[in-house]
Amino acid sequence: MLLSLFGAVESGIIYAIMALGVYLTFRVLDFPDLTVDGSFVTGAGVAAISIVNGVSPIVATLLAIVAGFIAGCITGLLHTKGKINALLSGILMMIALYSINLRIMDSPTVSLHSQPTIFSQLRDIWPAGIDSFFNGIFEAVGSRAPATWVIVIFMFVVVLAIKFLTDYFLKTEIGLALRATGDNQRMIRSFSANTDNLIVLGVGISNAMVALSGALIAQIGGFADVSMGIGMIVIGLASVIIGEALFGKKTIAIATIAVIGGAIVYRIVVTLALRVDFLETGDMKMITAFIVIVALVAPKLLQARKEKKRRIQKRQALGQVREGA
């Protein structure tokens, strides 16, 4: 059980990068970007095919980030310069990326088995003492210990670095203009800000994060598949919604840490759900949809219940005042 939860946390941290990208478009820019399903595969495909052709895993991952950024910028240009609806722009780019990804990968699947990856290189230099220390905790409670802790610890550092960079960026002059564009484009234009460039930049950065997540998922899984991005936008939204419901969103710093927490919680919930006897791996998309529905409906029901309770208390207080008079 503990080993399954460990695996959920491990994958949840990587998907958190993708969730941060989704947060940037959906919450900050108020841009419904469906490019995510395609750019996730673009990142995985570019990284995988680069590694297979002898490129360093670090350079391959950087190339994946650039490819995702370009894909996002094209979506932004379709919307701003092509005057295409934001939702339709993302759909068109997502469809186009399916063919582009097939061209990049040259086959539906690219295997990375026996190929060097960022994680295999980290394992070679990872101190065995760290694994022994943490595995002792698992063995103390009678659970099978994971093979290594290098991925989860390394990804925690990477995700926190991206989180703090995102927080810093959104507090800069450009970041504040980006946030203002999402809140009220007409207002920010009155200050002579170029909202078209801001939207293109924001969508580009978002998809760069998504592509980075895809590149890392391909390297940890040992393959890149042209269909691995299906439903990524729903997973990203689920992470954002769950995180905001559990941890809040009062400030940018809280919101970004909530998104990371939401991605991890989402993977844990899916892992626990798949342990139920009548559910299978093929039911994962249905489970995801159910989680999103619950995350959307539950806060509203709780809010309505609190409002009803408040009205009852107010009515009772007024009744007591009238009786006293």
C-alpha atoms as a PDB file:
ATOM      1  CA  MET A   1       0.000   0.000   0.000  1.00  0.00           C
ATOM      2  CA  LEU A   2       2.735   2.469   1.003  1.00  0.00           C
ATOM      3  CA  LEU A   3       4.719   1.557  -2.107  1.00  0.00           C
ATOM      4  CA  SER A   4       1.687   2.332  -4.306  1.00  0.00           C
ATOM      5  CA  LEU A   5       1.238   5.698  -2.605  1.00  0.00           C
ATOM      6  CA  PHE A   6       4.943   6.408  -3.082  1.00  0.00           C
ATOM      7  CA  GLY A   7       4.549   5.777  -6.814  1.00  0.00           C
ATOM      8  CA  ALA A   8       1.524   8.097  -6.876  1.00  0.00           C
ATOM      9  CA  VAL A   9       3.503  10.890  -5.197  1.00  0.00           C
ATOM     10  CA  GLU A  10       6.422  10.300  -7.560  1.00  0.00           C
ATOM     11  CA  SER A  11       4.295  10.665 -10.716  1.00  0.00           C
ATOM     12  CA  GLY A  12       2.160  13.405  -9.140  1.00  0.00           C
ATOM     13  CA  ILE A  13       5.206  15.637  -8.686  1.00  0.00           C
ATOM     14  CA  ILE A  14       6.063  15.375 -12.385  1.00  0.00           C
ATOM     15  CA  TYR A  15       2.461  16.012 -13.459  1.00  0.00           C
ATOM     16  CA  ALA A  16       2.483  19.039 -11.134  1.00  0.00           C
ATOM     17  CA  ILE A  17       4.663  20.869 -13.686  1.00  0.00           C
ATOM     18  CA  MET A  18       1.956  20.308 -16.291  1.00  0.00           C
ATOM     19  CA  ALA A  19      -0.698  21.456 -13.795  1.00  0.00           C
ATOM     20  CA  LEU A  20       1.247  24.688 -13.195  1.00  0.00           C
ATOM     21  CA  GLY A  21       1.170  25.297 -16.944  1.00  0.00           C
ATOM     22  CA  VAL A  22      -2.599  24.728 -17.011  1.00  0.00           C
ATOM     23  CA  TYR A  23      -2.989  27.082 -14.048  1.00  0.00           C
ATOM     24  CA  LEU A  24      -1.127  29.802 -15.939  1.00  0.00           C
ATOM     25  CA  THR A  25      -3.546  29.751 -18.877  1.00  0.00           C
ATOM     26  CA  PHE A  26      -6.849  28.895 -17.205  1.00  0.00           C
ATOM     27  CA  ARG A  27      -6.553  30.910 -14.005  1.00  0.00           C
ATOM     28  CA  VAL A  28      -4.037  33.683 -14.708  1.00  0.00           C
ATOM     29  CA  LEU A  29      -4.762  34.400 -18.389  1.00  0.00           C
ATOM     30  CA  ASP A  30      -8.363  33.142 -18.408  1.00  0.00           C
ATOM     31  CA  PHE A  31      -7.476  31.373 -21.674  1.00  0.00           C
ATOM     32  CA  PRO A  32      -9.107  27.937 -22.242  1.00  0.00           C
ATOM     33  CA  ASP A  33      -6.078  26.319 -23.896  1.00  0.00           C
ATOM     34  CA  LEU A  34      -6.589  22.777 -25.194  1.00  0.00           C
ATOM     35  CA  THR A  35      -3.141  22.687 -26.806  1.00  0.00           C
ATOM     36  CA  VAL A  36      -2.020  20.829 -23.683  1.00  0.00           C
ATOM     37  CA  ASP A  37      -3.066  17.396 -24.989  1.00  0.00           C
ATOM     38  CA  GLY A  38      -0.766  17.901 -27.981  1.00  0.00           C
ATOM     39  CA  SER A  39       2.144  19.815 -26.435  1.00  0.00           C
ATOM     40  CA  PHE A  40       2.520  17.169 -23.710  1.00  0.00           C
ATOM     41  CA  VAL A  41       3.239  14.595 -26.423  1.00  0.00           C
ATOM     42  CA  THR A  42       5.434  17.093 -28.290  1.00  0.00           C
ATOM     43  CA  GLY A  43       7.662  17.383 -25.229  1.00  0.00           C
ATOM     44  CA  ALA A  44       7.786  13.617 -24.780  1.00  0.00           C
ATOM     45  CA  GLY A  45       8.399  12.971 -28.488  1.00  0.00           C
ATOM     46  CA  VAL A  46      11.119  15.601 -28.954  1.00  0.00           C
ATOM     47  CA  ALA A  47      12.964  14.416 -25.846  1.00  0.00           C
ATOM     48  CA  ALA A  48      12.660  10.734 -26.766  1.00  0.00           C
ATOM     49  CA  ILE A  49      13.718  11.037 -30.414  1.00  0.00           C
ATOM     50  CA  SER A  50      16.596  13.340 -29.441  1.00  0.00           C
ATOM     51  CA  ILE A  51      17.907  10.869 -26.849  1.00  0.00           C
ATOM     52  CA  VAL A  52      17.595   7.967 -29.307  1.00  0.00           C
ATOM     53  CA  ASN A  53      19.701   9.967 -31.793  1.00  0.00           C
ATOM     54  CA  GLY A  54      22.487  10.481 -29.278  1.00  0.00           C
ATOM     55  CA  VAL A  55      21.601  13.874 -27.802  1.00  0.00           C
ATOM     56  CA  SER A  56      22.320  14.410 -24.111  1.00  0.00           C
ATOM     57  CA  PRO A  57      19.156  13.890 -21.970  1.00  0.00           C
ATOM     58  CA  ILE A  58      19.512  17.398 -20.484  1.00  0.00           C
ATOM     59  CA  VAL A  59      19.807  18.998 -23.930  1.00  0.00           C
ATOM     60  CA  ALA A  60      16.919  16.811 -25.176  1.00  0.00           C
ATOM     61  CA  THR A  61      14.744  18.048 -22.308  1.00  0.00           C
ATOM     62  CA  LEU A  62      15.646  21.669 -23.109  1.00  0.00           C
ATOM     63  CA  LEU A  63      14.708  21.062 -26.761  1.00  0.00           C
ATOM     64  CA  ALA A  64      11.360  19.689 -25.570  1.00  0.00           C
ATOM     65  CA  ILE A  65      10.738  22.884 -23.580  1.00  0.00           C
ATOM     66  CA  VAL A  66      11.508  25.016 -26.660  1.00  0.00           C
ATOM     67  CA  ALA A  67       9.184  22.886 -28.824  1.00  0.00           C
ATOM     68  CA  GLY A  68       6.366  23.266 -26.294  1.00  0.00           C
ATOM     69  CA  PHE A  69       6.932  27.019 -26.125  1.00  0.00           C
ATOM     70  CA  ILE A  70       6.719  27.310 -29.928  1.00  0.00           C
ATOM     71  CA  ALA A  71       3.499  25.263 -29.992  1.00  0.00           C
ATOM     72  CA  GLY A  72       1.956  27.512 -27.337  1.00  0.00           C
ATOM     73  CA  CYS A  73       3.040  30.667 -29.170  1.00  0.00           C
ATOM     74  CA  ILE A  74       1.382  29.429 -32.369  1.00  0.00           C
ATOM     75  CA  THR A  75      -1.863  28.892 -30.448  1.00  0.00           C
ATOM     76  CA  GLY A  76      -1.587  32.409 -29.063  1.00  0.00           C
ATOM     77  CA  LEU A  77      -0.938  33.832 -32.546  1.00  0.00           C
ATOM     78  CA  LEU A  78      -3.951  31.995 -33.984  1.00  0.00           C
ATOM     79  CA  HIS A  79      -6.089  33.688 -31.342  1.00  0.00           C
ATOM     80  CA  THR A  80      -4.543  37.172 -31.312  1.00  0.00           C
ATOM     81  CA  LYS A  81      -3.469  37.706 -34.929  1.00  0.00           C
ATOM     82  CA  GLY A  82      -5.785  35.225 -36.627  1.00  0.00           C
ATOM     83  CA  LYS A  83      -8.770  36.416 -34.570  1.00  0.00           C
ATOM     84  CA  ILE A  84      -9.809  32.811 -33.925  1.00  0.00           C
ATOM     85  CA  ASN A  85     -11.765  31.978 -30.779  1.00  0.00           C
ATOM     86  CA  ALA A  86      -9.445  30.997 -27.896  1.00  0.00           C
ATOM     87  CA  LEU A  87     -11.050  27.584 -27.411  1.00  0.00           C
ATOM     88  CA  LEU A  88     -11.019  26.823 -31.150  1.00  0.00           C
ATOM     89  CA  SER A  89      -7.378  27.954 -31.434  1.00  0.00           C
ATOM     90  CA  GLY A  90      -6.344  25.362 -28.860  1.00  0.00           C
ATOM     91  CA  ILE A  91      -8.420  22.641 -30.529  1.00  0.00           C
ATOM     92  CA  LEU A  92      -6.924  23.389 -33.961  1.00  0.00           C
ATOM     93  CA  MET A  93      -3.375  23.324 -32.585  1.00  0.00           C
ATOM     94  CA  MET A  94      -4.052  20.135 -30.633  1.00  0.00           C
ATOM     95  CA  ILE A  95      -5.261  18.409 -33.828  1.00  0.00           C
ATOM     96  CA  ALA A  96      -2.316  19.736 -35.848  1.00  0.00           C
ATOM     97  CA  LEU A  97       0.151  18.576 -33.193  1.00  0.00           C
ATOM     98  CA  TYR A  98      -1.053  14.977 -33.535  1.00  0.00           C
ATOM     99  CA  SER A  99       0.347  14.856 -37.082  1.00  0.00           C
ATOM    100  CA  ILE A 100       3.381  16.958 -36.157  1.00  0.00           C
ATOM    101  CA  ASN A 101       4.198  14.614 -33.272  1.00  0.00           C
ATOM    102  CA  LEU A 102       3.968  11.593 -35.587  1.00  0.00           C
ATOM    103  CA  ARG A 103       6.411  13.338 -37.935  1.00  0.00           C
ATOM    104  CA  ILE A 104       8.786  14.111 -35.072  1.00  0.00           C
ATOM    105  CA  MET A 105       8.686  10.586 -33.642  1.00  0.00           C
ATOM    106  CA  ASP A 106       8.524   8.847 -37.048  1.00  0.00           C
ATOM    107  CA  SER A 107       6.425   6.111 -35.388  1.00  0.00           C
ATOM    108  CA  PRO A 108       3.543   5.924 -32.890  1.00  0.00           C
ATOM    109  CA  THR A 109       5.913   4.842 -30.091  1.00  0.00           C
ATOM    110  CA  VAL A 110       9.555   5.571 -29.319  1.00  0.00           C
ATOM    111  CA  SER A 111      11.234   3.315 -26.764  1.00  0.00           C
ATOM    112  CA  LEU A 112      13.869   4.657 -24.376  1.00  0.00           C
ATOM    113  CA  HIS A 113      14.820   1.295 -22.884  1.00  0.00           C
ATOM    114  CA  SER A 114      18.613   0.925 -22.656  1.00  0.00           C
ATOM    115  CA  GLN A 115      18.891   4.638 -23.498  1.00  0.00           C
ATOM    116  CA  PRO A 116      20.393   7.154 -21.043  1.00  0.00           C
ATOM    117  CA  THR A 117      17.910   9.488 -19.348  1.00  0.00           C
ATOM    118  CA  ILE A 118      18.157  12.241 -16.757  1.00  0.00           C
ATOM    119  CA  PHE A 119      16.996   9.789 -14.094  1.00  0.00           C
ATOM    120  CA  SER A 120      19.374   6.963 -15.070  1.00  0.00           C
ATOM    121  CA  GLN A 121      22.284   9.410 -14.957  1.00  0.00           C
ATOM    122  CA  LEU A 122      21.166  10.646 -11.535  1.00  0.00           C
ATOM    123  CA  ARG A 123      20.962   7.067 -10.253  1.00  0.00           C
ATOM    124  CA  ASP A 124      24.608   6.533 -11.220  1.00  0.00           C
ATOM    125  CA  ILE A 125      25.777   9.340  -8.912  1.00  0.00           C
ATOM    126  CA  TRP A 126      23.083   8.963  -6.216  1.00  0.00           C
ATOM    127  CA  PRO A 127      24.445   8.186  -2.704  1.00  0.00           C
ATOM    128  CA  ALA A 128      23.191   4.776  -1.582  1.00  0.00           C
ATOM    129  CA  GLY A 129      23.091   5.978   2.020  1.00  0.00           C
ATOM    130  CA  ILE A 130      20.106   8.250   1.314  1.00  0.00           C
ATOM    131  CA  ASP A 131      18.059   5.309  -0.004  1.00  0.00           C
ATOM    132  CA  SER A 132      19.026   3.186   3.001  1.00  0.00           C
ATOM    133  CA  PHE A 133      17.930   5.912   5.423  1.00  0.00           C
ATOM    134  CA  PHE A 134      14.480   6.460   3.902  1.00  0.00           C
ATOM    135  CA  ASN A 135      13.873   2.771   3.136  1.00  0.00           C
ATOM    136  CA  GLY A 136      14.384   2.031   6.808  1.00  0.00           C
ATOM    137  CA  ILE A 137      11.153   3.947   7.479  1.00  0.00           C
ATOM    138  CA  PHE A 138       9.216   1.751   5.028  1.00  0.00           C
ATOM    139  CA  GLU A 139      10.694  -1.447   6.454  1.00  0.00           C
ATOM    140  CA  ALA A 140       9.900  -0.310  10.007  1.00  0.00           C
ATOM    141  CA  VAL A 141       6.162  -0.362   9.207  1.00  0.00           C
ATOM    142  CA  GLY A 142       6.410  -3.671   7.366  1.00  0.00           C
ATOM    143  CA  SER A 143       6.132  -2.294   3.825  1.00  0.00           C
ATOM    144  CA  ARG A 144       8.222  -3.058   0.774  1.00  0.00           C
ATOM    145  CA  ALA A 145      10.629  -0.166   0.138  1.00  0.00           C
ATOM    146  CA  PRO A 146      11.008   1.610  -3.223  1.00  0.00           C
ATOM    147  CA  ALA A 147      14.076   0.885  -5.349  1.00  0.00           C
ATOM    148  CA  THR A 148      15.415   4.428  -5.077  1.00  0.00           C
ATOM    149  CA  TRP A 149      14.426   7.883  -3.834  1.00  0.00           C
ATOM    150  CA  VAL A 150      16.378   9.812  -6.443  1.00  0.00           C
ATOM    151  CA  ILE A 151      13.357  10.623  -8.647  1.00  0.00           C
ATOM    152  CA  VAL A 152      11.028  11.888  -5.931  1.00  0.00           C
ATOM    153  CA  ILE A 153      13.706  14.008  -4.208  1.00  0.00           C
ATOM    154  CA  PHE A 154      15.091  15.414  -7.470  1.00  0.00           C
ATOM    155  CA  MET A 155      11.605  16.229  -8.780  1.00  0.00           C
ATOM    156  CA  PHE A 156      10.621  17.924  -5.516  1.00  0.00           C
ATOM    157  CA  VAL A 157      13.606  20.242  -5.957  1.00  0.00           C
ATOM    158  CA  VAL A 158      12.794  20.877  -9.645  1.00  0.00           C
ATOM    159  CA  VAL A 159       9.073  21.510  -9.034  1.00  0.00           C
ATOM    160  CA  LEU A 160       9.733  23.852  -6.108  1.00  0.00           C
ATOM    161  CA  ALA A 161      12.272  25.751  -8.251  1.00  0.00           C
ATOM    162  CA  ILE A 162       9.668  26.126 -11.029  1.00  0.00           C
ATOM    163  CA  LYS A 163       7.057  27.159  -8.446  1.00  0.00           C
ATOM    164  CA  PHE A 164       9.267  29.926  -7.027  1.00  0.00           C
ATOM    165  CA  LEU A 165      10.288  31.085 -10.516  1.00  0.00           C
ATOM    166  CA  THR A 166       6.601  31.244 -11.479  1.00  0.00           C
ATOM    167  CA  ASP A 167       5.789  33.238  -8.331  1.00  0.00           C
ATOM    168  CA  TYR A 168       8.638  35.636  -9.059  1.00  0.00           C
ATOM    169  CA  PHE A 169       7.695  36.022 -12.727  1.00  0.00           C
ATOM    170  CA  LEU A 170       4.055  36.802 -11.916  1.00  0.00           C
ATOM    171  CA  LYS A 171       5.222  39.597  -9.589  1.00  0.00           C
ATOM    172  CA  THR A 172       7.414  41.253 -12.209  1.00  0.00           C
ATOM    173  CA  GLU A 173       6.139  44.053 -14.444  1.00  0.00           C
ATOM    174  CA  ILE A 174       5.437  41.625 -17.287  1.00  0.00           C
ATOM    175  CA  GLY A 175       3.860  39.121 -14.898  1.00  0.00           C
ATOM    176  CA  LEU A 176       1.561  41.741 -13.401  1.00  0.00           C
ATOM    177  CA  ALA A 177       0.567  42.824 -16.920  1.00  0.00           C
ATOM    178  CA  LEU A 178      -0.124  39.175 -17.727  1.00  0.00           C
ATOM    179  CA  ARG A 179      -2.384  38.839 -14.688  1.00  0.00           C
ATOM    180  CA  ALA A 180      -4.127  42.096 -15.557  1.00  0.00           C
ATOM    181  CA  THR A 181      -4.715  40.823 -19.092  1.00  0.00           C
ATOM    182  CA  GLY A 182      -6.508  37.811 -17.681  1.00  0.00           C
ATOM    183  CA  ASP A 183      -8.623  40.006 -15.395  1.00  0.00           C
ATOM    184  CA  ASN A 184      -9.536  42.815 -17.779  1.00  0.00           C
ATOM    185  CA  GLN A 185      -7.980  43.175 -21.239  1.00  0.00           C
ATOM    186  CA  ARG A 186      -9.713  46.465 -21.961  1.00  0.00           C
ATOM    187  CA  MET A 187      -8.318  48.051 -18.818  1.00  0.00           C
ATOM    188  CA  ILE A 188      -4.735  46.940 -19.419  1.00  0.00           C
ATOM    189  CA  ARG A 189      -4.909  48.199 -23.030  1.00  0.00           C
ATOM    190  CA  SER A 190      -5.748  51.648 -21.672  1.00  0.00           C
ATOM    191  CA  PHE A 191      -2.259  51.645 -20.116  1.00  0.00           C
ATOM    192  CA  SER A 192      -0.725  51.043 -23.574  1.00  0.00           C
ATOM    193  CA  ALA A 193       0.077  47.394 -22.861  1.00  0.00           C
ATOM    194  CA  ASN A 194       0.197  45.027 -25.845  1.00  0.00           C
ATOM    195  CA  THR A 195      -2.223  42.322 -24.715  1.00  0.00           C
ATOM    196  CA  ASP A 196      -1.652  40.255 -27.874  1.00  0.00           C
ATOM    197  CA  ASN A 197       2.043  39.810 -27.062  1.00  0.00           C
ATOM    198  CA  LEU A 198       1.222  39.061 -23.428  1.00  0.00           C
ATOM    199  CA  ILE A 199      -1.251  36.340 -24.399  1.00  0.00           C
ATOM    200  CA  VAL A 200       1.229  34.760 -26.831  1.00  0.00           C
ATOM    201  CA  LEU A 201       3.951  34.835 -24.152  1.00  0.00           C
ATOM    202  CA  GLY A 202       1.685  33.414 -21.448  1.00  0.00           C
ATOM    203  CA  VAL A 203       0.368  30.551 -23.587  1.00  0.00           C
ATOM    204  CA  GLY A 204       3.924  29.834 -24.767  1.00  0.00           C
ATOM    205  CA  ILE A 205       5.293  29.584 -21.207  1.00  0.00           C
ATOM    206  CA  SER A 206       2.344  27.423 -20.186  1.00  0.00           C
ATOM    207  CA  ASN A 207       2.961  24.891 -22.954  1.00  0.00           C
ATOM    208  CA  ALA A 208       6.697  24.951 -22.283  1.00  0.00           C
ATOM    209  CA  MET A 209       5.897  23.693 -18.756  1.00  0.00           C
ATOM    210  CA  VAL A 210       3.540  21.077 -20.187  1.00  0.00           C
ATOM    211  CA  ALA A 211       6.204  19.889 -22.654  1.00  0.00           C
ATOM    212  CA  LEU A 212       8.774  19.667 -19.822  1.00  0.00           C
ATOM    213  CA  SER A 213       6.360  17.456 -17.885  1.00  0.00           C
ATOM    214  CA  GLY A 214       5.869  15.266 -20.975  1.00  0.00           C
ATOM    215  CA  ALA A 215       9.622  14.962 -21.517  1.00  0.00           C
ATOM    216  CA  LEU A 216      10.172  13.857 -17.906  1.00  0.00           C
ATOM    217  CA  ILE A 217       7.242  11.407 -18.003  1.00  0.00           C
ATOM    218  CA  ALA A 218       8.696   9.835 -21.168  1.00  0.00           C
ATOM    219  CA  GLN A 219      12.085   9.450 -19.500  1.00  0.00           C
ATOM    220  CA  ILE A 220      10.717   7.971 -16.293  1.00  0.00           C
ATOM    221  CA  GLY A 221       8.359   5.644 -18.188  1.00  0.00           C
ATOM    222  CA  GLY A 222      10.920   4.583 -20.774  1.00  0.00           C
ATOM    223  CA  PHE A 223       8.854   5.473 -23.850  1.00  0.00           C
ATOM    224  CA  ALA A 224       6.964   8.198 -25.692  1.00  0.00           C
ATOM    225  CA  ASP A 225       3.615   7.402 -27.298  1.00  0.00           C
ATOM    226  CA  VAL A 226       1.616   9.592 -29.660  1.00  0.00           C
ATOM    227  CA  SER A 227      -1.582   9.020 -27.643  1.00  0.00           C
ATOM    228  CA  MET A 228      -0.114   9.600 -24.170  1.00  0.00           C
ATOM    229  CA  GLY A 229      -1.441  13.172 -24.066  1.00  0.00           C
ATOM    230  CA  ILE A 230      -5.136  12.265 -24.311  1.00  0.00           C
ATOM    231  CA  GLY A 231      -6.986  13.745 -21.330  1.00  0.00           C
ATOM    232  CA  MET A 232      -4.005  15.750 -20.023  1.00  0.00           C
ATOM    233  CA  ILE A 233      -6.044  18.945 -19.939  1.00  0.00           C
ATOM    234  CA  VAL A 234      -8.620  17.254 -17.695  1.00  0.00           C
ATOM    235  CA  ILE A 235      -5.883  15.981 -15.383  1.00  0.00           C
ATOM    236  CA  GLY A 236      -4.399  19.475 -15.232  1.00  0.00           C
ATOM    237  CA  LEU A 237      -7.769  21.035 -14.458  1.00  0.00           C
ATOM    238  CA  ALA A 238      -8.458  18.385 -11.833  1.00  0.00           C
ATOM    239  CA  SER A 239      -5.151  19.208 -10.136  1.00  0.00           C
ATOM    240  CA  VAL A 240      -5.910  22.946 -10.164  1.00  0.00           C
ATOM    241  CA  ILE A 241      -9.478  22.552  -8.888  1.00  0.00           C
ATOM    242  CA  ILE A 242      -8.608  20.005  -6.193  1.00  0.00           C
ATOM    243  CA  GLY A 243      -5.651  22.078  -5.023  1.00  0.00           C
ATOM    244  CA  GLU A 244      -7.690  25.284  -4.796  1.00  0.00           C
ATOM    245  CA  ALA A 245     -10.487  23.482  -2.935  1.00  0.00           C
ATOM    246  CA  LEU A 246      -8.089  21.957  -0.384  1.00  0.00           C
ATOM    247  CA  PHE A 247      -5.450  24.655   0.063  1.00  0.00           C
ATOM    248  CA  GLY A 248      -7.057  27.891  -1.150  1.00  0.00           C
ATOM    249  CA  LYS A 249      -5.969  30.528  -3.657  1.00  0.00           C
ATOM    250  CA  LYS A 250      -5.693  33.815  -1.759  1.00  0.00           C
ATOM    251  CA  THR A 251      -2.272  34.702  -3.164  1.00  0.00           C
ATOM    252  CA  ILE A 252      -0.169  33.561  -6.115  1.00  0.00           C
ATOM    253  CA  ALA A 253       2.266  31.782  -3.771  1.00  0.00           C
ATOM    254  CA  ILE A 254      -0.559  29.844  -2.106  1.00  0.00           C
ATOM    255  CA  ALA A 255      -2.243  29.102  -5.433  1.00  0.00           C
ATOM    256  CA  THR A 256       0.886  27.605  -7.023  1.00  0.00           C
ATOM    257  CA  ILE A 257       1.638  25.412  -4.000  1.00  0.00           C
ATOM    258  CA  ALA A 258      -2.038  24.388  -4.040  1.00  0.00           C
ATOM    259  CA  VAL A 259      -1.719  23.299  -7.677  1.00  0.00           C
ATOM    260  CA  ILE A 260       1.303  21.142  -6.818  1.00  0.00           C
ATOM    261  CA  GLY A 261      -0.549  19.654  -3.846  1.00  0.00           C
ATOM    262  CA  GLY A 262      -3.623  19.098  -6.023  1.00  0.00           C
ATOM    263  CA  ALA A 263      -1.596  17.151  -8.610  1.00  0.00           C
ATOM    264  CA  ILE A 264      -0.190  14.865  -5.909  1.00  0.00           C
ATOM    265  CA  VAL A 265      -3.597  14.390  -4.239  1.00  0.00           C
ATOM    266  CA  TYR A 266      -5.150  13.610  -7.633  1.00  0.00           C
ATOM    267  CA  ARG A 267      -2.619  10.835  -8.322  1.00  0.00           C
ATOM    268  CA  ILE A 268      -3.140   9.408  -4.819  1.00  0.00           C
ATOM    269  CA  VAL A 269      -6.927   9.375  -5.284  1.00  0.00           C
ATOM    270  CA  VAL A 270      -6.600   7.641  -8.672  1.00  0.00           C
ATOM    271  CA  THR A 271      -4.180   5.078  -7.208  1.00  0.00           C
ATOM    272  CA  LEU A 272      -6.558   4.291  -4.335  1.00  0.00           C
ATOM    273  CA  ALA A 273      -9.527   4.122  -6.715  1.00  0.00           C
ATOM    274  CA  LEU A 274      -7.758   1.614  -8.960  1.00  0.00           C
ATOM    275  CA  ARG A 275      -7.245  -0.660  -5.953  1.00  0.00           C
ATOM    276  CA  VAL A 276     -11.015  -1.195  -5.826  1.00  0.00           C
ATOM    277  CA  ASP A 277     -11.757  -4.648  -7.242  1.00  0.00           C
ATOM    278  CA  PHE A 278     -14.331  -3.700  -9.902  1.00  0.00           C
ATOM    279  CA  LEU A 279     -12.257  -0.823 -11.340  1.00  0.00           C
ATOM    280  CA  GLU A 280      -9.603  -1.373 -14.020  1.00  0.00           C
ATOM    281  CA  THR A 281      -6.809   0.682 -15.566  1.00  0.00           C
ATOM    282  CA  GLY A 282      -9.094   1.451 -18.516  1.00  0.00           C
ATOM    283  CA  ASP A 283     -11.467   3.241 -16.123  1.00  0.00           C
ATOM    284  CA  MET A 284      -8.875   5.927 -15.345  1.00  0.00           C
ATOM    285  CA  LYS A 285     -10.465   8.560 -17.609  1.00  0.00           C
ATOM    286  CA  MET A 286     -13.870   7.918 -16.025  1.00  0.00           C
ATOM    287  CA  ILE A 287     -12.315   8.247 -12.564  1.00  0.00           C
ATOM    288  CA  THR A 288     -10.683  11.520 -13.620  1.00  0.00           C
ATOM    289  CA  ALA A 289     -13.999  12.916 -14.869  1.00  0.00           C
ATOM    290  CA  PHE A 290     -15.697  11.878 -11.618  1.00  0.00           C
ATOM    291  CA  ILE A 291     -12.985  13.548  -9.519  1.00  0.00           C
ATOM    292  CA  VAL A 292     -13.336  16.802 -11.491  1.00  0.00           C
ATOM    293  CA  ILE A 293     -17.145  16.731 -11.104  1.00  0.00           C
ATOM    294  CA  VAL A 294     -16.867  16.196  -7.340  1.00  0.00           C
ATOM    295  CA  ALA A 295     -14.199  18.912  -7.037  1.00  0.00           C
ATOM    296  CA  LEU A 296     -16.425  21.370  -8.919  1.00  0.00           C
ATOM    297  CA  VAL A 297     -19.739  20.533  -7.261  1.00  0.00           C
ATOM    298  CA  ALA A 298     -18.669  19.880  -3.643  1.00  0.00           C
ATOM    299  CA  PRO A 299     -17.396  23.430  -2.846  1.00  0.00           C
ATOM    300  CA  LYS A 300     -20.609  24.945  -4.236  1.00  0.00           C
ATOM    301  CA  LEU A 301     -22.774  22.600  -2.165  1.00  0.00           C
ATOM    302  CA  LEU A 302     -20.747  23.380   0.960  1.00  0.00           C
ATOM    303  CA  GLN A 303     -21.009  27.109   0.252  1.00  0.00           C
ATOM    304  CA  ALA A 304     -24.777  26.834  -0.254  1.00  0.00           C
ATOM    305  CA  ARG A 305     -25.062  24.922   3.028  1.00  0.00           C
ATOM    306  CA  LYS A 306     -23.054  27.572   4.899  1.00  0.00           C
ATOM    307  CA  GLU A 307     -25.181  30.331   3.346  1.00  0.00           C
ATOM    308  CA  LYS A 308     -28.374  28.561   4.379  1.00  0.00           C
ATOM    309  CA  LYS A 309     -27.063  28.123   7.926  1.00  0.00           C
ATOM    310  CA  ARG A 310     -26.077  31.802   8.033  1.00  0.00           C
ATOM    311  CA  ARG A 311     -29.557  32.885   6.915  1.00  0.00           C
ATOM    312  CA  ILE A 312     -31.174  30.690   9.589  1.00  0.00           C
ATOM    313  CA  GLN A 313     -28.914  32.160  12.280  1.00  0.00           C
ATOM    314  CA  LYS A 314     -29.679  35.692  11.070  1.00  0.00           C
ATOM    315  CA  ARG A 315     -33.421  34.976  11.132  1.00  0.00           C
ATOM    316  CA  GLN A 316     -33.170  33.555  14.652  1.00  0.00           C
ATOM    317  CA  ALA A 317     -31.172  36.592  15.814  1.00  0.00           C
ATOM    318  CA  LEU A 318     -33.803  38.962  14.368  1.00  0.00           C
ATOM    319  CA  GLY A 319     -36.542  36.962  16.089  1.00  0.00           C
ATOM    320  CA  GLN A 320     -34.763  37.277  19.453  1.00  0.00           C
ATOM    321  CA  VAL A 321     -34.342  41.056  18.940  1.00  0.00           C
ATOM    322  CA  ARG A 322     -38.064  41.460  18.192  1.00  0.00           C
ATOM    323  CA  GLU A 323     -39.031  39.405  21.248  1.00  0.00           C
ATOM    324  CA  GLY A 324     -36.766  41.541  23.419  1.00  0.00           C
ATOM    325  CA  ALA A 325     -38.341  44.705  22.027  1.00  0.00           C
END
